[in-house]
Amino acid sequence: MLQDVQRVRGVVRRRAPSHHSERRGQAIADLPRWKGPLAADLALASRADAFSSLGWVFELKYDGWRVLAAKDRKEVKLRLRSGRDATARFPEVVEATAALPVESAHLDGELVVFGPDGRSDFDALRARAFAHGRIGRSRAAVTACLFDVLALSGRDLRQLPLVERKRILGDLLGRQERLLYVDHVEGRGEQLLAGARKLGLEGVVAKKADSPYLPGRTGAWRKFKNEETTDFVVIGIAEPSRATFMRPGLVLAVTDAERLRYVGRVAVGRAELAAMDTVLPQLRREGPPCPRAGSAAAWVEPALACEVRYLASSRRGLRHAVFVRFRPDKPWRDCTSAG
């Protein structure tokens, strides 16, 4: 009917099932030119509801980039979960790792930028990474929040129980300024998640206390994220982009004092695009109904609301946004920034 929207819809039809997460794990496992044991990707297996249980330990989840830090004598390498070398981008983490009082070590953790309020700031981390390691340009120093040790002084530790590996890691790190030991509580997952939610943190990771470090989704690690569900106004249909994981999306806004304010985008599938097809002829407009909304395949008058789930710790935009449903029963003017 409308070529621009049909072209966006075609992306969904052509999209093949993704095996990106499996490739990411293999990329780490097969890293070349590095001596000693290499860390496999220990993926987090999602679980909807938090729990408390003996035999499990619970850690705060930091909002950053997964990193594997390896030291071999004077050489240090940082590898992201994608397998990319990040050594040159974060020299302060490299320097702190090189200063560890051991000849060799292989560590697992998360690269994080902490804001003035002590919370991890994902957008600041991205800005720092794009500054190509120049701290002065982005004014954001990076900390490696470390939660596991795979090898130490030539000894492979992956078969040791998790709590033993964490004890070794805590003793190793001491008080390095840019290397933070990720502590844990035993058995009290629900209590820790409630505290994380109150503080606006990303969530909690549960781990079996006696588990070895094994590759793949074993179920020994589980994540519980603090998420919010909010209703937004649909103001456009977006081209596939990184913001929507290379899928078509909806452009979203909220009302502030009777004026629209752009908030972000959410990926959608064929059914949602088909629903927009039915209303597009009546609602289409030439340009965005509010400033700073970027570009879109088609703009629409504010009329339709939708429900979206996203990470509660988001500081800017909608992190990890998931479309839930359209809300034809809700007036679009009721989609306010106050919820």
Protein backbone atom coordinates (compact mmCIF):
# COMPACT_ATOMS: atom_id res chain seq x y z
CA MET A 1 0.00 0.00 0.00
CA LEU A 2 2.67 2.48 1.03
CA GLN A 3 6.04 1.52 -0.38
CA ASP A 4 8.20 2.89 2.40
CA VAL A 5 6.37 0.97 5.12
CA GLN A 6 6.14 -2.18 2.99
CA ARG A 7 9.90 -2.02 2.52
CA VAL A 8 10.37 -1.91 6.29
CA ARG A 9 7.97 -4.83 6.73
CA GLY A 10 10.00 -6.85 4.23
CA VAL A 11 12.99 -6.81 6.55
CA VAL A 12 11.03 -8.91 9.07
CA ARG A 13 10.09 -11.49 6.45
CA ARG A 14 13.68 -11.83 5.21
CA ARG A 15 15.25 -11.97 8.66
CA ALA A 16 16.73 -15.39 9.36
CA PRO A 17 16.89 -16.87 12.87
CA SER A 18 19.86 -15.38 14.69
CA HIS A 19 22.66 -17.52 16.10
CA HIS A 20 24.70 -14.51 17.18
CA SER A 21 24.88 -15.51 20.85
CA GLU A 22 26.33 -18.92 19.93
CA ARG A 23 28.93 -17.29 17.67
CA ARG A 24 29.92 -14.85 20.42
CA GLY A 25 30.77 -17.66 22.81
CA GLN A 26 32.82 -19.46 20.18
CA ALA A 27 34.68 -16.25 19.34
CA ILE A 28 35.99 -16.07 22.90
CA ALA A 29 36.75 -19.78 23.14
CA ASP A 30 38.78 -19.70 19.90
CA LEU A 31 40.79 -16.52 20.52
CA PRO A 32 44.21 -17.01 18.89
CA ARG A 33 47.69 -16.00 19.99
CA TRP A 34 47.15 -16.05 23.74
CA LYS A 35 48.92 -18.38 26.11
CA GLY A 36 47.14 -20.28 28.85
CA PRO A 37 43.48 -21.26 29.30
CA LEU A 38 40.91 -19.17 27.48
CA ALA A 39 37.53 -18.27 28.93
CA ALA A 40 34.43 -19.55 27.23
CA ASP A 41 31.28 -17.44 27.21
CA LEU A 42 29.30 -18.33 30.31
CA ALA A 43 25.95 -16.97 29.12
CA LEU A 44 23.27 -15.86 31.54
CA ALA A 45 20.15 -18.01 31.42
CA SER A 46 17.11 -15.81 31.97
CA ARG A 47 14.54 -16.65 34.62
CA ALA A 48 11.36 -14.66 35.07
CA ASP A 49 11.07 -14.70 38.86
CA ALA A 50 13.73 -14.12 41.47
CA PHE A 51 14.22 -16.71 44.20
CA SER A 52 16.09 -17.30 47.44
CA SER A 53 17.80 -20.62 48.08
CA LEU A 54 20.63 -22.22 50.00
CA GLY A 55 23.45 -23.29 47.73
CA TRP A 56 23.16 -20.16 45.60
CA VAL A 57 25.02 -16.84 45.78
CA PHE A 58 23.63 -13.56 44.47
CA GLU A 59 25.53 -10.61 42.96
CA LEU A 60 24.47 -7.17 41.79
CA LYS A 61 24.32 -6.94 38.00
CA TYR A 62 26.25 -4.02 36.51
CA ASP A 63 25.18 -2.32 33.28
CA GLY A 64 28.25 -2.43 31.09
CA TRP A 65 30.26 -4.56 28.64
CA ARG A 66 31.32 -8.11 29.45
CA VAL A 67 35.11 -8.36 29.39
CA LEU A 68 37.79 -11.00 29.72
CA ALA A 69 41.03 -9.59 31.12
CA ALA A 70 44.18 -11.66 30.67
CA LYS A 71 47.63 -10.91 32.06
CA ASP A 72 50.76 -12.75 30.91
CA ARG A 73 53.87 -11.29 32.54
CA LYS A 74 53.96 -7.67 31.32
CA GLU A 75 51.33 -8.10 28.62
CA VAL A 76 47.61 -7.49 29.21
CA LYS A 77 44.74 -8.07 26.81
CA LEU A 78 41.09 -7.10 27.15
CA ARG A 79 38.57 -8.96 25.02
CA LEU A 80 34.88 -8.12 24.80
CA ARG A 81 32.17 -10.75 24.65
CA SER A 82 32.05 -10.29 20.86
CA GLY A 83 35.70 -11.39 20.73
CA ARG A 84 36.94 -7.89 19.84
CA ASP A 85 40.18 -6.63 21.31
CA ALA A 86 39.45 -3.65 23.60
CA THR A 87 42.94 -3.32 25.10
CA ALA A 88 43.78 0.05 23.54
CA ARG A 89 40.45 1.62 24.50
CA PHE A 90 40.73 1.23 28.28
CA PRO A 91 44.32 1.89 29.35
CA GLU A 92 43.41 2.48 33.02
CA VAL A 93 42.03 -1.06 33.27
CA VAL A 94 45.09 -2.44 31.47
CA GLU A 95 47.40 -0.62 33.88
CA ALA A 96 45.53 -1.89 36.94
CA THR A 97 45.53 -5.46 35.61
CA ALA A 98 49.25 -5.29 34.84
CA ALA A 99 49.87 -4.22 38.45
CA LEU A 100 48.34 -7.38 39.93
CA PRO A 101 50.94 -9.24 42.05
CA VAL A 102 50.94 -12.40 39.90
CA GLU A 103 52.75 -13.47 36.75
CA SER A 104 49.57 -14.46 34.92
CA ALA A 105 45.80 -14.29 35.44
CA HIS A 106 42.62 -14.68 33.45
CA LEU A 107 39.62 -12.74 34.81
CA ASP A 108 35.95 -12.39 33.92
CA GLY A 109 33.88 -9.29 34.58
CA GLU A 110 32.10 -6.19 33.30
CA LEU A 111 33.50 -2.87 32.11
CA VAL A 112 31.53 -0.10 33.81
CA VAL A 113 31.44 3.69 34.10
CA PHE A 114 30.04 4.80 37.45
CA GLY A 115 28.06 8.03 37.58
CA PRO A 116 28.22 10.59 40.41
CA ASP A 117 25.39 8.73 42.17
CA GLY A 118 27.37 5.48 42.17
CA ARG A 119 25.18 3.75 39.59
CA SER A 120 26.60 2.25 36.40
CA ASP A 121 26.00 4.48 33.36
CA PHE A 122 25.87 2.52 30.09
CA ASP A 123 25.60 5.61 27.88
CA ALA A 124 28.72 7.09 29.49
CA LEU A 125 30.56 3.83 28.80
CA ARG A 126 29.58 3.95 25.13
CA ALA A 127 30.67 7.57 24.87
CA ARG A 128 33.99 6.71 26.47
CA ALA A 129 34.54 3.77 24.11
CA PHE A 130 33.91 5.96 21.08
CA ALA A 131 36.51 8.36 22.46
CA HIS A 132 39.04 5.61 21.64
CA GLY A 133 40.57 5.49 25.10
CA ARG A 134 41.11 9.24 25.52
CA ILE A 135 39.85 9.75 29.08
CA GLY A 136 40.08 13.51 28.92
CA ARG A 137 37.72 13.71 25.97
CA SER A 138 34.83 11.87 27.62
CA ARG A 139 35.75 12.63 31.28
CA ALA A 140 34.72 9.10 32.24
CA ALA A 141 37.08 6.58 33.77
CA VAL A 142 36.24 2.89 33.41
CA THR A 143 36.26 0.26 36.15
CA ALA A 144 36.44 -3.50 35.58
CA CYS A 145 33.91 -5.10 37.95
CA LEU A 146 35.35 -8.61 38.25
CA PHE A 147 33.33 -11.62 39.40
CA ASP A 148 35.39 -14.67 38.42
CA VAL A 149 38.95 -15.93 37.95
CA LEU A 150 39.60 -18.69 35.42
CA ALA A 151 43.34 -19.12 35.76
CA LEU A 152 46.07 -17.86 38.05
CA SER A 153 49.85 -18.23 37.82
CA GLY A 154 49.51 -20.96 35.19
CA ARG A 155 46.92 -22.95 37.15
CA ASP A 156 43.52 -23.63 35.55
CA LEU A 157 40.85 -22.86 38.18
CA ARG A 158 37.71 -23.47 36.13
CA GLN A 159 36.84 -26.77 37.83
CA LEU A 160 36.94 -25.29 41.33
CA PRO A 161 33.60 -24.42 42.97
CA LEU A 162 32.49 -20.85 42.29
CA VAL A 163 32.79 -19.74 45.94
CA GLU A 164 36.38 -20.94 46.03
CA ARG A 165 37.21 -19.10 42.82
CA LYS A 166 35.64 -15.94 44.23
CA ARG A 167 37.66 -16.24 47.44
CA ILE A 168 40.85 -16.45 45.36
CA LEU A 169 39.71 -13.49 43.25
CA GLY A 170 39.00 -11.33 46.31
CA ASP A 171 42.43 -12.06 47.76
CA LEU A 172 44.05 -11.23 44.42
CA LEU A 173 42.36 -7.89 43.73
CA GLY A 174 42.97 -6.22 47.08
CA ARG A 175 42.33 -2.49 46.64
CA GLN A 176 43.18 -1.81 43.01
CA GLU A 177 41.43 1.43 42.09
CA ARG A 178 40.15 0.32 38.65
CA LEU A 179 39.49 -3.33 39.51
CA LEU A 180 36.41 -3.86 41.66
CA TYR A 181 35.66 -7.20 43.30
CA VAL A 182 31.99 -8.10 42.80
CA ASP A 183 30.87 -9.31 46.21
CA HIS A 184 27.82 -11.51 46.86
CA VAL A 185 25.25 -12.56 49.42
CA GLU A 186 24.31 -16.16 50.13
CA GLY A 187 20.77 -17.48 49.77
CA ARG A 188 18.93 -14.11 49.77
CA GLY A 189 18.19 -13.37 46.13
CA GLU A 190 14.78 -11.76 46.58
CA GLN A 191 16.06 -9.42 49.27
CA LEU A 192 19.00 -8.32 47.14
CA LEU A 193 16.77 -7.77 44.10
CA ALA A 194 14.39 -5.62 46.18
CA GLY A 195 17.33 -3.50 47.29
CA ALA A 196 18.61 -3.19 43.72
CA ARG A 197 15.16 -2.11 42.54
CA LYS A 198 14.94 0.53 45.27
CA LEU A 199 18.32 1.94 44.24
CA GLY A 200 17.49 1.90 40.52
CA LEU A 201 20.12 -0.72 39.69
CA GLU A 202 19.93 -3.10 36.73
CA GLY A 203 19.26 -6.33 38.61
CA VAL A 204 20.80 -9.41 40.21
CA VAL A 205 22.69 -12.50 39.03
CA ALA A 206 22.16 -15.82 40.80
CA LYS A 207 24.92 -18.46 40.66
CA LYS A 208 25.19 -21.96 42.05
CA ALA A 209 27.78 -21.79 44.81
CA ASP A 210 29.46 -25.08 43.91
CA SER A 211 29.38 -24.68 40.10
CA PRO A 212 32.52 -24.96 37.94
CA TYR A 213 33.10 -22.49 35.11
CA LEU A 214 31.53 -24.18 32.09
CA PRO A 215 30.77 -22.75 28.63
CA GLY A 216 27.26 -22.25 27.33
CA ARG A 217 23.86 -21.81 29.00
CA THR A 218 24.15 -24.34 31.79
CA GLY A 219 21.52 -22.84 34.11
CA ALA A 220 24.15 -22.35 36.82
CA TRP A 221 23.96 -18.58 36.26
CA ARG A 222 20.58 -16.80 36.11
CA LYS A 223 19.78 -13.13 35.78
CA PHE A 224 16.88 -11.14 37.19
CA LYS A 225 16.46 -7.68 35.69
CA ASN A 226 14.61 -4.76 37.16
CA GLU A 227 12.17 -3.83 34.41
CA GLU A 228 9.37 -1.30 34.07
CA THR A 229 6.29 -1.33 31.85
CA THR A 230 5.04 2.01 30.52
CA ASP A 231 2.58 3.25 27.89
CA PHE A 232 3.96 5.47 25.11
CA VAL A 233 2.56 7.39 22.14
CA VAL A 234 3.43 6.01 18.68
CA ILE A 235 4.65 8.86 16.46
CA GLY A 236 6.33 6.97 13.64
CA ILE A 237 7.53 3.76 12.00
CA ALA A 238 11.31 3.39 12.08
CA GLU A 239 13.76 1.86 9.67
CA PRO A 240 15.85 -1.03 11.04
CA SER A 241 18.75 0.33 13.08
CA ARG A 242 21.11 -0.57 15.91
CA ALA A 243 18.61 0.97 18.34
CA THR A 244 16.09 -1.73 17.33
CA PHE A 245 18.59 -4.57 16.83
CA MET A 246 18.38 -4.14 13.03
CA ARG A 247 14.63 -4.74 13.03
CA PRO A 248 11.83 -2.33 12.09
CA GLY A 249 10.52 -0.36 15.03
CA LEU A 250 8.05 2.14 16.41
CA VAL A 251 9.13 5.69 17.27
CA LEU A 252 7.82 6.57 20.74
CA ALA A 253 7.04 9.70 22.74
CA VAL A 254 5.38 10.83 25.98
CA THR A 255 3.37 13.94 26.78
CA ASP A 256 4.87 16.64 28.99
CA ALA A 257 2.53 19.55 29.77
CA GLU A 258 0.45 18.81 26.65
CA ARG A 259 3.58 18.68 24.47
CA LEU A 260 5.16 15.57 23.00
CA ARG A 261 8.69 14.53 23.96
CA TYR A 262 10.63 11.85 22.07
CA VAL A 263 11.82 8.96 24.28
CA GLY A 264 13.12 6.19 22.00
CA ARG A 265 12.27 3.24 19.81
CA VAL A 266 11.15 -0.35 20.18
CA ALA A 267 11.54 -3.22 17.73
CA VAL A 268 8.38 -4.82 16.36
CA GLY A 269 7.42 -7.75 14.15
CA ARG A 270 5.09 -8.49 11.25
CA ALA A 271 1.87 -8.39 13.29
CA GLU A 272 2.59 -4.94 14.71
CA LEU A 273 3.55 -3.54 11.31
CA ALA A 274 0.38 -5.00 9.80
CA ALA A 275 -1.65 -3.27 12.52
CA MET A 276 0.05 0.03 11.68
CA ASP A 277 -0.80 -0.53 8.00
CA THR A 278 -4.50 -0.29 8.80
CA VAL A 279 -4.25 3.11 10.49
CA LEU A 280 -1.41 4.68 8.52
CA PRO A 281 -3.51 6.21 5.68
CA GLN A 282 -5.59 8.18 8.20
CA LEU A 283 -2.73 9.22 10.49
CA ARG A 284 0.23 9.82 8.20
CA ARG A 285 1.93 13.20 8.37
CA GLU A 286 4.91 14.78 6.61
CA GLY A 287 7.29 15.26 9.52
CA PRO A 288 7.84 14.33 13.17
CA PRO A 289 5.32 15.75 15.68
CA CYS A 290 8.09 16.61 18.17
CA PRO A 291 11.76 17.65 17.98
CA ARG A 292 14.84 15.40 18.21
CA ALA A 293 12.96 12.30 17.01
CA GLY A 294 15.51 11.45 14.33
CA SER A 295 14.44 9.88 11.05
CA ALA A 296 11.66 7.43 10.20
CA ALA A 297 10.16 5.52 7.29
CA ALA A 298 6.81 7.20 8.06
CA TRP A 299 5.54 9.71 10.61
CA VAL A 300 2.06 9.53 12.17
CA GLU A 301 -0.17 11.85 14.11
CA PRO A 302 -0.28 11.07 17.85
CA ALA A 303 -3.30 8.81 18.28
CA LEU A 304 -2.21 5.31 19.22
CA ALA A 305 -0.68 4.18 22.52
CA CYS A 306 1.39 1.07 23.13
CA GLU A 307 2.82 -0.71 26.14
CA VAL A 308 6.61 -1.30 26.30
CA ARG A 309 8.80 -3.11 28.84
CA TYR A 310 12.32 -1.77 29.36
CA LEU A 311 15.20 -1.73 31.81
CA ALA A 312 14.28 0.23 34.93
CA SER A 313 17.84 1.49 35.36
CA SER A 314 17.77 3.26 31.96
CA ARG A 315 19.10 6.79 32.32
CA ARG A 316 18.47 7.92 28.74
CA GLY A 317 16.14 6.44 26.18
CA LEU A 318 14.76 2.91 26.45
CA ARG A 319 17.34 0.21 27.17
CA HIS A 320 16.44 -3.39 26.26
CA ALA A 321 12.97 -2.26 25.16
CA VAL A 322 10.41 -4.97 24.34
CA PHE A 323 7.02 -4.30 22.71
CA VAL A 324 4.15 -5.72 24.79
CA ARG A 325 0.89 -4.64 23.10
CA PHE A 326 -1.03 -1.79 21.54
CA ARG A 327 -3.35 0.14 23.88
CA PRO A 328 -6.34 1.32 21.79
CA ASP A 329 -8.23 1.73 25.07
CA LYS A 330 -5.87 4.44 26.37
CA PRO A 331 -6.02 8.09 25.23
CA TRP A 332 -2.62 9.10 23.92
CA ARG A 333 -2.61 12.26 26.05
CA ASP A 334 -2.55 10.00 29.14
CA CYS A 335 0.87 8.65 28.14
CA THR A 336 2.79 11.05 30.34
CA SER A 337 6.35 11.06 31.62
CA ALA A 338 4.91 10.37 35.08
CA GLY A 339 3.48 7.08 33.85
